[in-house]
Amino acid sequence: MPMAADDIAALIREGIPGAEVRIDDLAGDGDHYAATVVSTAFAGKSRIQQHQLVYAALRGRMGGELHALKLTTLAPNAG
């Protein structure tokens, strides 16, 4: 059974406190999503490390309940 966008966002926010999360349903089928996650936790980390943080927040649901997720991760600009 697919995951709801709100559930995906909630897991990411719980796993990465303070993160700004936007989830878009790419195909309108509730099974293919794009996530944009902005967090200070990403500062100084490689893109792979940033994505690993998001996958860890999803607690093993990637590839199961969550079939496809296009990830964009960003650290906020220090301005």
C-alpha atoms as a PDB file:
ATOM      1  CA  MET A   1       0.000   0.000   0.000  1.00  0.00           C
ATOM      2  CA  PRO A   2       1.448   3.396  -0.972  1.00  0.00           C
ATOM      3  CA  MET A   3       2.358   6.015   1.604  1.00  0.00           C
ATOM      4  CA  ALA A   4       0.559   9.337   1.834  1.00  0.00           C
ATOM      5  CA  ALA A   5       2.598  12.483   1.175  1.00  0.00           C
ATOM      6  CA  ASP A   6       1.769  13.792   4.663  1.00  0.00           C
ATOM      7  CA  ASP A   7       3.154  10.596   6.228  1.00  0.00           C
ATOM      8  CA  ILE A   8       6.397  10.912   4.277  1.00  0.00           C
ATOM      9  CA  ALA A   9       6.802  14.548   5.336  1.00  0.00           C
ATOM     10  CA  ALA A  10       6.036  13.702   8.973  1.00  0.00           C
ATOM     11  CA  LEU A  11       8.673  10.951   9.082  1.00  0.00           C
ATOM     12  CA  ILE A  12      11.301  13.236   7.578  1.00  0.00           C
ATOM     13  CA  ARG A  13      10.457  16.072   9.980  1.00  0.00           C
ATOM     14  CA  GLU A  14      10.584  13.670  12.923  1.00  0.00           C
ATOM     15  CA  GLY A  15      13.926  12.208  11.816  1.00  0.00           C
ATOM     16  CA  ILE A  16      15.462  15.569  10.898  1.00  0.00           C
ATOM     17  CA  PRO A  17      14.074  18.099  13.395  1.00  0.00           C
ATOM     18  CA  GLY A  18      13.670  21.598  12.022  1.00  0.00           C
ATOM     19  CA  ALA A  19      13.760  20.446   8.392  1.00  0.00           C
ATOM     20  CA  GLU A  20      11.625  22.220   5.816  1.00  0.00           C
ATOM     21  CA  VAL A  21       9.955  19.516   3.733  1.00  0.00           C
ATOM     22  CA  ARG A  22       7.933  19.725   0.525  1.00  0.00           C
ATOM     23  CA  ILE A  23       6.461  16.589  -1.042  1.00  0.00           C
ATOM     24  CA  ASP A  24       5.071  16.559  -4.575  1.00  0.00           C
ATOM     25  CA  ASP A  25       3.129  13.651  -6.116  1.00  0.00           C
ATOM     26  CA  LEU A  26       4.858  13.293  -9.497  1.00  0.00           C
ATOM     27  CA  ALA A  27       2.411  10.974 -11.234  1.00  0.00           C
ATOM     28  CA  GLY A  28      -0.810  11.616  -9.323  1.00  0.00           C
ATOM     29  CA  ASP A  29      -0.820   7.968  -8.269  1.00  0.00           C
ATOM     30  CA  GLY A  30       0.306   8.305  -4.645  1.00  0.00           C
ATOM     31  CA  ASP A  31       3.312   6.122  -5.420  1.00  0.00           C
ATOM     32  CA  HIS A  32       5.882   8.405  -7.118  1.00  0.00           C
ATOM     33  CA  TYR A  33       6.999  11.407  -5.123  1.00  0.00           C
ATOM     34  CA  ALA A  34       9.574  14.177  -5.167  1.00  0.00           C
ATOM     35  CA  ALA A  35      10.822  15.494  -1.838  1.00  0.00           C
ATOM     36  CA  THR A  36      12.677  18.731  -1.268  1.00  0.00           C
ATOM     37  CA  VAL A  37      14.282  18.821   2.162  1.00  0.00           C
ATOM     38  CA  VAL A  38      16.130  21.858   3.539  1.00  0.00           C
ATOM     39  CA  SER A  39      17.989  21.413   6.818  1.00  0.00           C
ATOM     40  CA  THR A  40      20.939  22.798   8.721  1.00  0.00           C
ATOM     41  CA  ALA A  41      21.786  19.129   9.416  1.00  0.00           C
ATOM     42  CA  PHE A  42      23.013  18.927   5.806  1.00  0.00           C
ATOM     43  CA  ALA A  43      25.670  21.631   6.191  1.00  0.00           C
ATOM     44  CA  GLY A  44      29.135  20.287   5.392  1.00  0.00           C
ATOM     45  CA  LYS A  45      27.787  16.900   4.283  1.00  0.00           C
ATOM     46  CA  SER A  46      28.078  15.360   0.836  1.00  0.00           C
ATOM     47  CA  ARG A  47      24.933  14.832  -1.236  1.00  0.00           C
ATOM     48  CA  ILE A  48      25.159  11.104  -0.476  1.00  0.00           C
ATOM     49  CA  GLN A  49      25.341  11.778   3.269  1.00  0.00           C
ATOM     50  CA  GLN A  50      22.380  14.149   3.023  1.00  0.00           C
ATOM     51  CA  HIS A  51      20.307  11.519   1.228  1.00  0.00           C
ATOM     52  CA  GLN A  52      21.340   8.891   3.772  1.00  0.00           C
ATOM     53  CA  LEU A  53      19.942  11.115   6.534  1.00  0.00           C
ATOM     54  CA  VAL A  54      16.603  11.307   4.714  1.00  0.00           C
ATOM     55  CA  TYR A  55      16.519   7.552   4.052  1.00  0.00           C
ATOM     56  CA  ALA A  56      17.277   6.895   7.729  1.00  0.00           C
ATOM     57  CA  ALA A  57      14.375   9.176   8.687  1.00  0.00           C
ATOM     58  CA  LEU A  58      12.092   7.055   6.484  1.00  0.00           C
ATOM     59  CA  ARG A  59      12.900   4.028   8.670  1.00  0.00           C
ATOM     60  CA  GLY A  60      13.267   1.383   5.979  1.00  0.00           C
ATOM     61  CA  ARG A  61      10.122   2.270   4.044  1.00  0.00           C
ATOM     62  CA  MET A  62      12.058   3.203   0.892  1.00  0.00           C
ATOM     63  CA  GLY A  63      11.604   0.439  -1.677  1.00  0.00           C
ATOM     64  CA  GLY A  64       8.666  -1.029   0.221  1.00  0.00           C
ATOM     65  CA  GLU A  65       5.731   1.179   1.135  1.00  0.00           C
ATOM     66  CA  LEU A  66       7.508   4.037  -0.604  1.00  0.00           C
ATOM     67  CA  HIS A  67       8.208   2.959  -4.163  1.00  0.00           C
ATOM     68  CA  ALA A  68       9.842   5.987  -5.781  1.00  0.00           C
ATOM     69  CA  LEU A  69      11.236   9.165  -4.257  1.00  0.00           C
ATOM     70  CA  LYS A  70      13.175  11.818  -6.129  1.00  0.00           C
ATOM     71  CA  LEU A  71      15.224  13.645  -3.501  1.00  0.00           C
ATOM     72  CA  THR A  72      16.539  17.192  -3.489  1.00  0.00           C
ATOM     73  CA  THR A  73      18.442  18.088  -0.332  1.00  0.00           C
ATOM     74  CA  LEU A  74      19.780  21.522   0.540  1.00  0.00           C
ATOM     75  CA  ALA A  75      21.441  23.261   3.445  1.00  0.00           C
ATOM     76  CA  PRO A  76      20.000  26.738   4.047  1.00  0.00           C
ATOM     77  CA  ASN A  77      22.138  29.648   2.933  1.00  0.00           C
ATOM     78  CA  ALA A  78      24.060  31.264   5.737  1.00  0.00           C
ATOM     79  CA  GLY A  79      23.231  34.827   5.004  1.00  0.00           C
END
